[in-house]
Amino acid sequence: MRKRRKIITVSTAVAAAATLPLLMSPVVSAAVLEDDDESSRMTRLYAPPPDRDSYRQVARLAWRGDFRDSAGLLSMVRTPQAVWYGDETPEQVERLVRRTTRSADWQGRLPVLALYNVPGRDCGSYSSGGADSLAEYEAWIDAVAAGIGDREVLIILEPDSLALLPSDCADASNAAQTAVEQQTVIEEQTTADGQTTTDEQTAADGQSAADGQPAADGQPAAQEQSAAEESPTELPPLPDPGASTAPPTGSAAPGTGQEAAQTPGQQLPDALPAASETPAPKPPEVQEPAALEPSASQTPAPEPSTEQPGTLPELPPLPTPDPVTPEPGNSLDPDELDTPVVEDPETAARYSEINYAVDVLTALGQTSVYLDAGHAGWHSVSSIVPRLIKAGIDRATGFALNVSHYQTDPDSTWYGRLISSCLAYADEGGDPEKCADQSWSRRHARRWLRAHAPDDPAGMKHYVTDTSRNGQGPWTPRGRHIDAQSWCNPPGRGLGRRPTTHTGDALMDAALWVKTPGESDGRCLRGTDGPLDPVRGTVNPEAGEWFPDQALELVRYADPAVKVFRRTAGR
């Protein structure tokens, strides 16, 4: 009997292994349409081999009979996207880059490389690492250039390197420390208030007894604190794959006081339902527009609203500075009047590193290099433009926006236009501080553009955007947090626009999938001791590792929706 069972078990396993290609065939067939999308075929962007863990998830879903999610996931991982390099030795990165660029060249496609090895990257947060010194970084860049050779490549150079300078790390660290200290002070104050109330009540009782007066009633501080707490709410389940994936409407504009309208004491949900275990999800609730998306270790101020009433007054003319009257014996030499800017050594080294990379990579001839410019919810135009200038934007192809973030396409294109116009204005001797900013009303900003932006986009710096995870826009955290980390594995996000170089915008060279969709942003402790992510209720994978639940969310919430079934010709 045991021998017979063993034979049946082995036979079943062999049959299962033999039928796996048959089970996968409808999934592969369904996913071909997305990979052969018209935009991808015309632009000939390179799709690197998918992560092995992604294929394992595709296979598990297919075995379970969940062909729609399996096909959607396979379509996602086979879509053209960037290949990331960082932390390899010069010998390793040269070999790997040569392999990728040769493979893309044989296919007649354009590879997108994200170089991520600058010293001190990510302020030592989840994606910390990089080269140890300027000399080591230069050797690494030389190796990348050797691996590229004379082949055509598009490079996203060091995401977050300019939007998050070493000089910004101290501010981010201090902000996080201040938040922790404030939370500690609040807790200590609450305890002290409770103790004070008890002590005062005891003293009052004693005094009343001595005076022959009844003591006044008091409410313990602990009960007041308990009454102020509210039960956590739950996040919505994932939507029906067949339902509309258009971004929700009717929400307030960012930066219009929506944070102040939140209920005091509201808590984040303990857990997000696992995407892979939700067979019939419901449509998501209306999303509030996101606050400004921070980088891996910085929480910026909220993005101002871009829409203003149409009856705004005309901008007043800029004031004319009073003439400087020198004191006797003093000179009006401009070099003596200017106050030198003191820059910390790490930030000065960062600019040297980026400039070196720009010079080496652009010298290859067929390499397009785009510098980091953060995103529309992070730096103002007048803040990021001087950084781009110091990093060598004049010799680079352009700049990259929204890498690994979630800002919407309209916000990114408007921000990109303002940056490009400001760069042209500064190139003609203008002051970046006087450039139109994304916080301005569109009416005033357009008036500035008409007065100062060049008429020919060919003479302006172009840009690319990352649309890999912005289908639902940024995430608005709810409840009280020491650090909400709205950039870190936010729930309910979706794939965005498919990669293409046919953007319809004269200044926008390409919409790309730079961040690998499905890979984790990190553990996301959000100011807690961990190890659980208080939003999802799970331990998130380390940065760069495959995150199955988030991968399915990106497919299910995609906008435009992922096409998983081939339509018969003529219908």
Protein backbone atom coordinates (compact mmCIF):
# COMPACT_ATOMS: atom_id res chain seq x y z
CA MET A 1 0.00 0.00 0.00
CA ARG A 2 2.81 2.44 0.88
CA LYS A 3 4.62 1.64 -2.35
CA ARG A 4 1.46 2.31 -4.32
CA ARG A 5 0.93 5.70 -2.60
CA LYS A 6 4.52 6.64 -3.32
CA ILE A 7 4.09 5.81 -7.00
CA ILE A 8 0.92 7.90 -7.18
CA THR A 9 2.62 10.83 -5.42
CA VAL A 10 5.64 10.76 -7.75
CA SER A 11 3.40 10.46 -10.79
CA THR A 12 1.35 13.44 -9.68
CA ALA A 13 4.48 15.54 -9.17
CA VAL A 14 5.82 14.61 -12.62
CA ALA A 15 2.48 15.39 -14.23
CA ALA A 16 2.33 18.72 -12.42
CA ALA A 17 5.81 19.66 -13.60
CA ALA A 18 4.93 18.66 -17.15
CA THR A 19 1.72 20.71 -17.19
CA LEU A 20 3.26 23.88 -15.75
CA PRO A 21 4.03 25.30 -19.22
CA LEU A 22 0.45 24.52 -20.22
CA LEU A 23 -0.91 26.36 -17.20
CA MET A 24 1.41 29.26 -17.86
CA SER A 25 0.61 29.44 -21.59
CA PRO A 26 -2.61 31.45 -21.22
CA VAL A 27 -0.82 33.76 -18.81
CA VAL A 28 2.09 34.31 -21.20
CA SER A 29 -0.28 34.78 -24.14
CA ALA A 30 -2.35 37.27 -22.18
CA ALA A 31 0.69 39.26 -21.14
CA VAL A 32 2.18 39.53 -24.64
CA LEU A 33 -0.09 42.42 -25.56
CA GLU A 34 1.32 44.65 -22.82
CA ASP A 35 4.90 43.84 -23.75
CA ASP A 36 4.18 44.48 -27.42
CA ASP A 37 2.28 47.69 -26.73
CA GLU A 38 2.59 50.15 -29.60
CA SER A 39 4.54 52.69 -27.55
CA SER A 40 7.09 50.13 -26.38
CA ARG A 41 7.57 48.71 -29.90
CA MET A 42 8.08 52.14 -31.46
CA THR A 43 10.44 53.42 -28.80
CA ARG A 44 12.26 50.09 -28.57
CA LEU A 45 13.00 50.36 -24.87
CA TYR A 46 14.80 47.45 -23.27
CA ALA A 47 13.06 45.06 -20.87
CA PRO A 48 15.60 43.34 -18.56
CA PRO A 49 15.12 39.77 -17.31
CA PRO A 50 12.56 39.83 -14.46
CA ASP A 51 13.36 39.08 -10.85
CA ARG A 52 13.23 35.35 -10.10
CA ASP A 53 10.96 35.95 -7.14
CA SER A 54 8.50 37.69 -9.45
CA TYR A 55 8.32 34.61 -11.66
CA ARG A 56 7.79 32.44 -8.62
CA GLN A 57 4.81 34.60 -7.65
CA VAL A 58 3.46 34.41 -11.21
CA ALA A 59 3.72 30.61 -11.09
CA ARG A 60 2.04 30.37 -7.68
CA LEU A 61 -0.88 32.47 -8.86
CA ALA A 62 -1.24 30.38 -12.02
CA TRP A 63 -1.20 27.10 -10.08
CA ARG A 64 -3.91 28.50 -7.83
CA GLY A 65 -6.04 29.34 -10.85
CA ASP A 66 -5.75 33.11 -10.42
CA PHE A 67 -4.96 33.71 -14.08
CA ARG A 68 -5.99 37.37 -14.17
CA ASP A 69 -3.57 38.45 -11.42
CA SER A 70 -0.91 36.10 -12.75
CA ALA A 71 -1.18 37.56 -16.25
CA GLY A 72 -1.20 41.11 -14.94
CA LEU A 73 1.88 40.50 -12.82
CA LEU A 74 3.73 38.86 -15.71
CA SER A 75 2.82 41.78 -17.93
CA MET A 76 4.24 44.18 -15.35
CA VAL A 77 7.60 42.46 -14.96
CA ARG A 78 8.02 42.12 -18.75
CA THR A 79 7.46 45.83 -19.36
CA PRO A 80 10.61 47.83 -20.25
CA GLN A 81 12.20 49.29 -17.14
CA ALA A 82 15.53 50.50 -15.82
CA VAL A 83 18.42 48.29 -14.75
CA TRP A 84 19.97 49.44 -11.47
CA TYR A 85 23.67 49.31 -10.62
CA GLY A 86 25.33 50.14 -7.30
CA ASP A 87 27.67 48.58 -4.73
CA GLU A 88 29.40 46.38 -7.32
CA THR A 89 33.16 46.50 -7.68
CA PRO A 90 34.49 48.22 -10.80
CA GLU A 91 35.26 44.83 -12.36
CA GLN A 92 31.77 43.53 -11.63
CA VAL A 93 29.89 46.58 -12.85
CA GLU A 94 31.89 46.74 -16.07
CA ARG A 95 31.02 43.13 -16.85
CA LEU A 96 27.33 43.52 -15.94
CA VAL A 97 26.87 46.78 -17.86
CA ARG A 98 28.56 45.30 -20.92
CA ARG A 99 26.22 42.30 -20.75
CA THR A 100 23.11 44.49 -20.50
CA THR A 101 24.08 46.96 -23.22
CA ARG A 102 25.11 44.17 -25.60
CA SER A 103 21.83 42.34 -25.04
CA ALA A 104 19.85 45.53 -25.69
CA ASP A 105 21.96 46.28 -28.76
CA TRP A 106 21.31 42.81 -30.21
CA GLN A 107 17.56 43.36 -29.69
CA GLY A 108 17.73 46.82 -31.20
CA ARG A 109 16.36 48.39 -28.01
CA LEU A 110 17.45 51.28 -25.80
CA PRO A 111 18.52 50.28 -22.27
CA VAL A 112 17.87 52.57 -19.30
CA LEU A 113 20.54 52.37 -16.59
CA ALA A 114 20.06 53.81 -13.10
CA LEU A 115 23.47 54.43 -11.53
CA TYR A 116 23.22 54.46 -7.73
CA ASN A 117 26.62 54.32 -6.08
CA VAL A 118 27.40 57.88 -4.95
CA PRO A 119 29.14 58.07 -1.55
CA GLY A 120 26.80 58.71 1.38
CA ARG A 121 23.68 57.99 -0.64
CA ASP A 122 20.24 58.14 1.00
CA CYS A 123 21.68 59.76 4.14
CA GLY A 124 22.40 56.31 5.57
CA SER A 125 18.73 55.28 5.48
CA TYR A 126 17.20 52.09 4.00
CA SER A 127 19.16 52.37 0.73
CA SER A 128 22.44 53.41 2.34
CA GLY A 129 25.73 52.38 0.79
CA GLY A 130 27.70 53.57 -2.19
CA ALA A 131 31.39 54.15 -2.79
CA ASP A 132 33.62 55.02 0.14
CA SER A 133 35.45 57.96 -1.46
CA LEU A 134 35.64 60.23 -4.46
CA ALA A 135 38.50 58.22 -5.93
CA GLU A 136 36.56 54.96 -5.54
CA TYR A 137 33.49 56.49 -7.15
CA GLU A 138 35.50 57.80 -10.10
CA ALA A 139 36.96 54.34 -10.68
CA TRP A 140 33.45 52.89 -10.59
CA ILE A 141 32.17 55.44 -13.14
CA ASP A 142 35.15 54.69 -15.39
CA ALA A 143 34.19 51.01 -15.26
CA VAL A 144 30.57 51.80 -16.19
CA ALA A 145 31.79 53.83 -19.15
CA ALA A 146 34.03 50.97 -20.25
CA GLY A 147 31.08 48.58 -20.10
CA ILE A 148 28.92 50.90 -22.22
CA GLY A 149 31.49 51.56 -24.92
CA ASP A 150 29.99 53.05 -28.07
CA ARG A 151 26.49 51.63 -27.55
CA GLU A 152 23.42 53.82 -27.11
CA VAL A 153 22.28 54.14 -23.49
CA LEU A 154 19.98 56.36 -21.41
CA ILE A 155 21.32 56.97 -17.89
CA ILE A 156 19.51 58.17 -14.78
CA LEU A 157 22.46 59.45 -12.79
CA GLU A 158 22.31 58.94 -9.02
CA PRO A 159 18.67 59.33 -7.91
CA ASP A 160 18.33 61.56 -4.83
CA SER A 161 21.95 62.72 -5.12
CA LEU A 162 21.04 66.39 -5.66
CA ALA A 163 17.62 66.56 -4.05
CA LEU A 164 19.15 65.00 -0.94
CA LEU A 165 22.62 66.49 -0.53
CA PRO A 166 24.84 65.61 2.44
CA SER A 167 24.01 69.06 3.83
CA ASP A 168 20.34 68.01 3.83
CA CYS A 169 21.07 64.86 5.83
CA ALA A 170 21.73 66.79 9.03
CA ASP A 171 18.44 68.65 8.65
CA ALA A 172 16.55 65.42 8.06
CA SER A 173 18.26 63.74 10.99
CA ASN A 174 17.59 66.71 13.23
CA ALA A 175 13.95 66.79 12.14
CA ALA A 176 13.52 63.12 12.96
CA GLN A 177 15.31 63.55 16.29
CA THR A 178 13.19 66.59 17.08
CA ALA A 179 10.05 64.59 16.35
CA VAL A 180 11.19 61.82 18.67
CA GLU A 181 12.09 64.32 21.37
CA GLN A 182 8.72 66.05 21.00
CA GLN A 183 6.92 62.73 21.33
CA THR A 184 8.97 61.93 24.44
CA VAL A 185 8.19 65.34 25.90
CA ILE A 186 4.48 64.80 25.26
CA GLU A 187 4.56 61.42 26.99
CA GLU A 188 6.55 62.78 29.91
CA GLN A 189 4.27 65.79 30.14
CA THR A 190 1.22 63.53 30.17
CA THR A 191 2.72 61.48 33.00
CA ALA A 192 3.73 64.62 34.86
CA ASP A 193 0.27 66.09 34.42
CA GLY A 194 -1.26 62.95 35.84
CA GLN A 195 1.11 63.01 38.80
CA THR A 196 0.54 66.72 39.32
CA THR A 197 -3.18 66.23 39.30
CA THR A 198 -2.87 63.50 41.92
CA ASP A 199 -0.54 65.58 44.09
CA GLU A 200 -2.71 68.66 43.81
CA GLN A 201 -5.82 66.66 44.58
CA THR A 202 -4.18 65.17 47.69
CA ALA A 203 -3.03 68.59 48.83
CA ALA A 204 -6.47 70.02 48.20
CA ASP A 205 -8.06 67.21 50.21
CA GLY A 206 -5.72 67.90 53.11
CA GLN A 207 -6.29 71.63 52.95
CA SER A 208 -10.07 71.19 52.75
CA ALA A 209 -10.07 68.90 55.75
CA ALA A 210 -8.03 71.43 57.71
CA ASP A 211 -10.35 74.25 56.73
CA GLY A 212 -13.50 72.20 57.19
CA GLN A 213 -14.45 72.62 53.48
CA PRO A 214 -15.38 69.74 51.12
CA ALA A 215 -12.74 68.82 48.53
CA ALA A 216 -13.44 69.63 44.83
CA ASP A 217 -14.03 66.71 42.44
CA GLY A 218 -11.34 66.13 39.78
CA GLN A 219 -11.00 63.95 36.67
CA PRO A 220 -7.77 61.89 36.58
CA ALA A 221 -5.45 62.77 33.75
CA ALA A 222 -5.19 59.13 32.74
CA GLN A 223 -8.92 58.99 32.02
CA GLU A 224 -8.71 62.16 29.93
CA GLN A 225 -5.94 60.64 27.86
CA SER A 226 -7.90 57.41 27.42
CA ALA A 227 -11.01 59.29 26.33
CA ALA A 228 -9.00 61.16 23.71
CA GLU A 229 -7.85 57.96 22.01
CA GLU A 230 -9.89 56.50 19.19
CA SER A 231 -10.06 53.02 17.78
CA PRO A 232 -8.07 52.46 14.58
CA THR A 233 -9.79 52.31 11.25
CA GLU A 234 -9.10 49.80 8.50
CA LEU A 235 -7.75 50.48 5.04
CA PRO A 236 -10.04 49.51 2.13
CA PRO A 237 -9.60 46.12 0.45
CA LEU A 238 -8.11 45.95 -3.01
CA PRO A 239 -10.52 46.73 -5.88
CA ASP A 240 -12.11 44.35 -8.35
CA PRO A 241 -9.68 43.89 -11.28
CA GLY A 242 -12.54 44.53 -13.65
CA ALA A 243 -13.54 47.75 -11.99
CA SER A 244 -12.41 51.18 -13.13
CA THR A 245 -8.94 52.15 -11.99
CA ALA A 246 -9.23 55.87 -12.61
CA PRO A 247 -7.91 57.99 -9.73
CA PRO A 248 -10.67 59.01 -7.31
CA THR A 249 -12.13 62.49 -7.60
CA GLY A 250 -13.66 65.00 -5.32
CA SER A 251 -10.80 65.29 -2.87
CA ALA A 252 -9.31 68.48 -1.56
CA ALA A 253 -6.27 70.03 -3.15
CA PRO A 254 -2.95 69.42 -1.43
CA GLY A 255 -1.79 72.05 0.95
CA THR A 256 -5.27 73.49 1.59
CA GLY A 257 -5.52 72.66 5.25
CA GLN A 258 -6.61 69.05 4.96
CA GLU A 259 -4.11 67.97 7.62
CA ALA A 260 -5.71 70.36 10.08
CA ALA A 261 -9.11 68.85 9.34
CA GLN A 262 -8.06 65.38 10.41
CA THR A 263 -9.64 64.00 13.54
CA PRO A 264 -7.26 64.40 16.50
CA GLY A 265 -5.95 61.12 17.78
CA GLN A 266 -6.88 59.16 14.66
CA GLN A 267 -4.67 56.09 14.37
CA LEU A 268 -3.34 54.19 11.38
CA PRO A 269 -4.80 50.75 10.73
CA ASP A 270 -2.95 47.85 12.25
CA ALA A 271 -2.65 45.95 9.00
CA LEU A 272 -3.40 46.06 5.28
CA PRO A 273 -5.09 42.91 3.95
CA ALA A 274 -2.62 40.77 2.05
CA ALA A 275 -3.14 41.41 -1.65
CA SER A 276 -2.46 37.81 -2.58
CA GLU A 277 -5.19 36.57 -0.23
CA THR A 278 -8.02 38.84 -1.43
CA PRO A 279 -9.96 36.94 -4.13
CA ALA A 280 -12.76 39.47 -4.62
CA PRO A 281 -11.52 42.93 -3.56
CA LYS A 282 -13.80 45.91 -3.37
CA PRO A 283 -13.11 49.31 -4.99
CA PRO A 284 -10.87 51.56 -2.89
CA GLU A 285 -12.33 54.41 -0.96
CA VAL A 286 -11.86 57.93 -2.19
CA GLN A 287 -8.20 58.84 -1.85
CA GLU A 288 -7.24 62.16 -0.43
CA PRO A 289 -4.56 63.95 -2.45
CA ALA A 290 -1.11 63.35 -1.19
CA ALA A 291 1.02 65.62 0.83
CA LEU A 292 4.48 66.24 -0.49
CA GLU A 293 6.40 63.06 -1.05
CA PRO A 294 9.67 62.91 0.87
CA SER A 295 12.79 61.07 -0.12
CA ALA A 296 14.21 58.13 1.72
CA SER A 297 15.05 60.15 4.76
CA GLN A 298 13.43 63.56 4.48
CA THR A 299 9.90 64.79 5.08
CA PRO A 300 9.34 68.06 3.20
CA ALA A 301 6.60 70.61 3.70
CA PRO A 302 3.25 70.07 1.94
CA GLU A 303 2.95 71.07 -1.71
CA PRO A 304 1.06 74.34 -2.19
CA SER A 305 -2.05 74.31 -4.30
CA THR A 306 -1.46 75.14 -7.95
CA GLU A 307 -4.99 76.38 -8.60
CA GLN A 308 -5.92 79.85 -7.44
CA PRO A 309 -8.99 82.04 -8.01
CA GLY A 310 -9.11 83.77 -11.36
CA THR A 311 -9.40 87.23 -9.80
CA LEU A 312 -5.93 87.43 -8.32
CA PRO A 313 -4.39 90.90 -8.41
CA GLU A 314 -1.51 91.71 -10.69
CA LEU A 315 1.93 90.98 -9.30
CA PRO A 316 3.58 94.14 -7.97
CA PRO A 317 6.85 95.19 -9.60
CA LEU A 318 10.00 94.08 -7.91
CA PRO A 319 11.44 96.75 -5.61
CA THR A 320 14.50 98.62 -6.80
CA PRO A 321 17.36 98.27 -4.33
CA ASP A 322 18.76 101.42 -2.83
CA PRO A 323 22.13 102.45 -4.21
CA VAL A 324 25.06 101.52 -2.04
CA THR A 325 26.96 104.50 -0.71
CA PRO A 326 30.49 103.46 0.21
CA GLU A 327 32.10 104.73 3.32
CA PRO A 328 35.29 106.71 2.92
CA GLY A 329 38.23 104.45 2.20
CA ASN A 330 36.07 101.46 1.20
CA SER A 331 35.98 99.91 -2.26
CA LEU A 332 32.95 98.81 -4.28
CA ASP A 333 34.78 95.77 -5.68
CA PRO A 334 32.06 93.11 -6.18
CA ASP A 335 34.40 90.40 -4.98
CA GLU A 336 34.68 92.21 -1.67
CA LEU A 337 30.93 92.85 -1.40
CA ASP A 338 29.85 89.23 -2.04
CA THR A 339 29.63 87.03 0.99
CA PRO A 340 31.34 83.68 0.26
CA VAL A 341 29.13 80.61 0.63
CA VAL A 342 30.63 78.12 3.05
CA GLU A 343 29.93 74.57 1.90
CA ASP A 344 30.59 71.45 3.94
CA PRO A 345 33.22 69.07 2.50
CA GLU A 346 30.76 66.21 1.91
CA THR A 347 28.44 68.39 -0.18
CA ALA A 348 31.37 69.84 -2.14
CA ALA A 349 32.53 66.28 -2.82
CA ARG A 350 29.02 65.33 -4.00
CA TYR A 351 29.12 68.02 -6.67
CA SER A 352 32.58 66.88 -7.73
CA GLU A 353 31.34 63.29 -8.04
CA ILE A 354 28.34 64.18 -10.18
CA ASN A 355 30.37 66.52 -12.39
CA TYR A 356 32.95 63.81 -12.96
CA ALA A 357 30.26 61.29 -13.92
CA VAL A 358 28.65 63.77 -16.33
CA ASP A 359 31.95 64.45 -18.09
CA VAL A 360 32.93 60.77 -18.41
CA LEU A 361 29.55 59.45 -19.50
CA THR A 362 28.63 62.21 -21.97
CA ALA A 363 32.04 61.81 -23.61
CA LEU A 364 30.96 58.36 -24.85
CA GLY A 365 28.96 59.94 -27.66
CA GLN A 366 25.73 57.91 -27.60
CA THR A 367 24.89 58.25 -23.91
CA SER A 368 22.07 60.48 -22.66
CA VAL A 369 22.59 61.56 -19.05
CA TYR A 370 19.80 62.89 -16.82
CA LEU A 371 20.55 64.40 -13.41
CA ASP A 372 18.41 64.02 -10.30
CA ALA A 373 15.89 66.81 -9.73
CA GLY A 374 13.66 65.27 -7.06
CA HIS A 375 9.95 65.76 -7.63
CA ALA A 376 7.24 68.40 -7.59
CA GLY A 377 6.40 67.87 -3.93
CA TRP A 378 9.93 68.25 -2.63
CA HIS A 379 12.08 71.23 -3.67
CA SER A 380 10.98 74.56 -5.04
CA VAL A 381 12.21 75.51 -8.50
CA SER A 382 14.55 78.14 -7.05
CA SER A 383 16.02 75.49 -4.72
CA ILE A 384 16.71 72.67 -7.18
CA VAL A 385 17.90 74.79 -10.15
CA PRO A 386 21.11 76.05 -8.48
CA ARG A 387 21.92 72.46 -7.50
CA LEU A 388 21.49 71.28 -11.08
CA ILE A 389 23.72 74.10 -12.32
CA LYS A 390 26.49 73.27 -9.86
CA ALA A 391 26.25 69.57 -10.80
CA GLY A 392 26.93 70.25 -14.49
CA ILE A 393 23.45 70.32 -16.04
CA ASP A 394 24.87 72.46 -18.86
CA ARG A 395 26.84 69.43 -20.08
CA ALA A 396 24.17 66.80 -19.34
CA THR A 397 21.22 65.88 -21.53
CA GLY A 398 18.66 66.97 -18.95
CA PHE A 399 17.14 66.02 -15.61
CA ALA A 400 14.98 63.22 -14.17
CA LEU A 401 11.83 63.70 -12.09
CA ASN A 402 9.82 61.57 -9.66
CA VAL A 403 12.30 58.67 -9.51
CA SER A 404 10.94 56.09 -7.04
CA HIS A 405 8.12 58.46 -6.08
CA TYR A 406 4.41 58.89 -6.72
CA GLN A 407 3.69 62.40 -8.01
CA THR A 408 1.08 62.58 -10.78
CA ASP A 409 1.99 63.14 -14.42
CA PRO A 410 0.42 66.65 -14.59
CA ASP A 411 2.38 67.76 -11.51
CA SER A 412 5.62 66.37 -12.92
CA THR A 413 5.21 67.91 -16.37
CA TRP A 414 4.38 71.33 -14.93
CA TYR A 415 7.34 71.12 -12.54
CA GLY A 416 9.61 70.01 -15.38
CA ARG A 417 8.54 72.92 -17.56
CA LEU A 418 9.23 75.40 -14.77
CA ILE A 419 12.68 73.93 -14.06
CA SER A 420 13.63 73.88 -17.74
CA SER A 421 12.50 77.49 -18.17
CA CYS A 422 14.37 78.59 -15.06
CA LEU A 423 17.55 76.88 -16.26
CA ALA A 424 17.30 78.78 -19.56
CA TYR A 425 16.64 82.02 -17.67
CA ALA A 426 19.67 81.45 -15.43
CA ASP A 427 21.81 80.58 -18.45
CA GLU A 428 21.08 84.07 -19.76
CA GLY A 429 22.19 85.62 -16.49
CA GLY A 430 18.90 85.59 -14.61
CA ASP A 431 18.58 84.92 -10.90
CA PRO A 432 16.94 81.53 -10.12
CA GLU A 433 15.37 83.11 -7.05
CA LYS A 434 13.15 85.12 -9.40
CA CYS A 435 11.93 82.10 -11.37
CA ALA A 436 8.30 81.01 -11.39
CA ASP A 437 7.66 78.35 -8.76
CA GLN A 438 5.21 75.45 -8.55
CA SER A 439 3.61 77.20 -5.56
CA TRP A 440 2.59 80.13 -7.76
CA SER A 441 -0.86 80.27 -9.29
CA ARG A 442 -0.91 79.02 -12.86
CA ARG A 443 -1.94 82.47 -14.05
CA HIS A 444 1.08 84.20 -12.55
CA ALA A 445 3.46 81.40 -13.51
CA ARG A 446 2.33 81.45 -17.14
CA ARG A 447 2.80 85.20 -17.24
CA TRP A 448 6.37 84.72 -16.03
CA LEU A 449 6.93 82.02 -18.65
CA ARG A 450 5.68 84.26 -21.44
CA ALA A 451 8.10 86.95 -20.34
CA HIS A 452 11.20 84.83 -19.70
CA ALA A 453 10.99 81.33 -21.20
CA PRO A 454 12.54 80.72 -24.64
CA ASP A 455 10.17 80.24 -27.55
CA ASP A 456 12.11 77.27 -28.93
CA PRO A 457 12.14 74.17 -26.67
CA ALA A 458 15.11 72.83 -28.62
CA GLY A 459 17.36 75.27 -26.78
CA MET A 460 16.11 74.21 -23.34
CA LYS A 461 17.03 71.30 -21.09
CA HIS A 462 14.71 68.32 -21.45
CA TYR A 463 13.61 65.85 -18.78
CA VAL A 464 12.29 62.34 -18.18
CA THR A 465 9.83 61.16 -15.54
CA ASP A 466 9.36 57.95 -13.57
CA THR A 467 5.80 56.67 -13.97
CA SER A 468 6.31 53.17 -12.57
CA ARG A 469 4.15 53.65 -9.44
CA ASN A 470 2.23 56.92 -9.84
CA GLY A 471 -1.06 55.60 -11.24
CA GLN A 472 -2.94 56.57 -8.07
CA GLY A 473 -0.75 59.52 -7.14
CA PRO A 474 0.86 60.05 -3.72
CA TRP A 475 -0.38 58.49 -0.52
CA THR A 476 -1.86 60.66 2.23
CA PRO A 477 -0.94 59.22 5.66
CA ARG A 478 -3.63 59.27 8.30
CA GLY A 479 -3.30 59.42 12.04
CA ARG A 480 -0.42 60.49 14.25
CA HIS A 481 3.12 59.51 13.38
CA ILE A 482 6.58 60.47 14.43
CA ASP A 483 7.58 59.85 10.80
CA ALA A 484 4.84 58.84 8.36
CA GLN A 485 7.37 57.89 5.61
CA SER A 486 4.76 58.41 2.92
CA TRP A 487 7.36 57.45 0.30
CA CYS A 488 7.98 54.01 1.85
CA ASN A 489 5.82 51.16 0.48
CA PRO A 490 2.60 53.19 0.64
CA PRO A 491 -0.56 51.08 0.34
CA GLY A 492 -2.99 51.18 -2.55
CA ARG A 493 -0.62 52.56 -5.19
CA GLY A 494 -0.79 51.54 -8.86
CA LEU A 495 1.28 51.34 -12.01
CA GLY A 496 1.30 54.51 -14.07
CA ARG A 497 1.82 55.39 -17.69
CA ARG A 498 3.62 52.74 -19.73
CA PRO A 499 7.21 53.54 -20.78
CA THR A 500 7.50 55.51 -24.00
CA THR A 501 9.59 58.18 -25.69
CA HIS A 502 6.56 59.50 -27.59
CA THR A 503 5.31 61.79 -24.86
CA GLY A 504 3.59 64.52 -26.84
CA ASP A 505 5.58 67.11 -24.86
CA ALA A 506 8.44 68.94 -26.56
CA LEU A 507 10.41 69.13 -23.30
CA MET A 508 9.70 65.60 -22.02
CA ASP A 509 11.98 63.05 -23.65
CA ALA A 510 10.43 59.94 -22.09
CA ALA A 511 8.10 58.46 -19.51
CA LEU A 512 10.07 55.61 -17.96
CA TRP A 513 9.74 52.91 -15.35
CA VAL A 514 12.89 53.76 -13.42
CA LYS A 515 12.01 52.26 -10.05
CA THR A 516 11.47 48.51 -10.44
CA PRO A 517 7.77 48.01 -9.63
CA GLY A 518 7.31 45.27 -7.06
CA GLU A 519 10.56 45.87 -5.21
CA SER A 520 10.35 47.05 -1.60
CA ASP A 521 11.41 50.52 -0.46
CA GLY A 522 12.58 49.13 2.89
CA ARG A 523 11.27 48.08 6.30
CA CYS A 524 9.16 51.25 6.80
CA LEU A 525 9.11 51.49 10.61
CA ARG A 526 7.51 54.98 10.51
CA GLY A 527 9.14 56.14 13.72
CA THR A 528 8.32 52.97 15.68
CA ASP A 529 10.69 50.40 17.13
CA GLY A 530 9.50 47.82 14.57
CA PRO A 531 9.88 45.32 13.15
CA LEU A 532 6.29 45.63 11.88
CA ASP A 533 5.18 48.32 9.47
CA PRO A 534 2.30 49.87 11.47
CA VAL A 535 0.38 50.54 8.24
CA ARG A 536 0.54 47.05 6.78
CA GLY A 537 0.94 45.06 9.97
CA THR A 538 3.73 43.00 8.38
CA VAL A 539 7.50 43.04 8.27
CA ASN A 540 8.30 44.60 4.91
CA PRO A 541 11.17 43.16 2.84
CA GLU A 542 14.48 44.97 2.82
CA ALA A 543 15.00 47.69 0.21
CA GLY A 544 15.34 46.16 -3.26
CA GLU A 545 13.79 42.80 -2.37
CA TRP A 546 10.60 41.54 -4.02
CA PHE A 547 7.40 42.51 -2.19
CA PRO A 548 4.55 40.22 -3.38
CA ASP A 549 1.68 42.10 -1.74
CA GLN A 550 2.79 45.46 -3.08
CA ALA A 551 3.40 43.98 -6.54
CA LEU A 552 -0.22 42.82 -6.74
CA GLU A 553 -1.45 46.18 -5.51
CA LEU A 554 0.43 47.92 -8.31
CA VAL A 555 -1.24 45.65 -10.89
CA ARG A 556 -4.74 45.92 -9.44
CA TYR A 557 -4.67 49.68 -8.96
CA ALA A 558 -2.87 50.41 -12.26
CA ASP A 559 -4.01 53.47 -14.20
CA PRO A 560 -4.14 52.93 -17.12
CA ALA A 561 -5.26 49.39 -16.36
CA VAL A 562 -3.05 46.45 -17.22
CA LYS A 563 -4.31 44.65 -20.30
CA VAL A 564 -4.36 40.93 -19.55
CA PHE A 565 -6.50 39.47 -22.31
CA ARG A 566 -5.77 39.60 -26.03
CA ARG A 567 -8.61 41.05 -28.07
CA THR A 568 -9.55 39.10 -31.19
CA ALA A 569 -8.76 40.95 -34.39
CA GLY A 570 -11.77 42.61 -35.97
CA ARG A 571 -13.70 43.04 -32.72
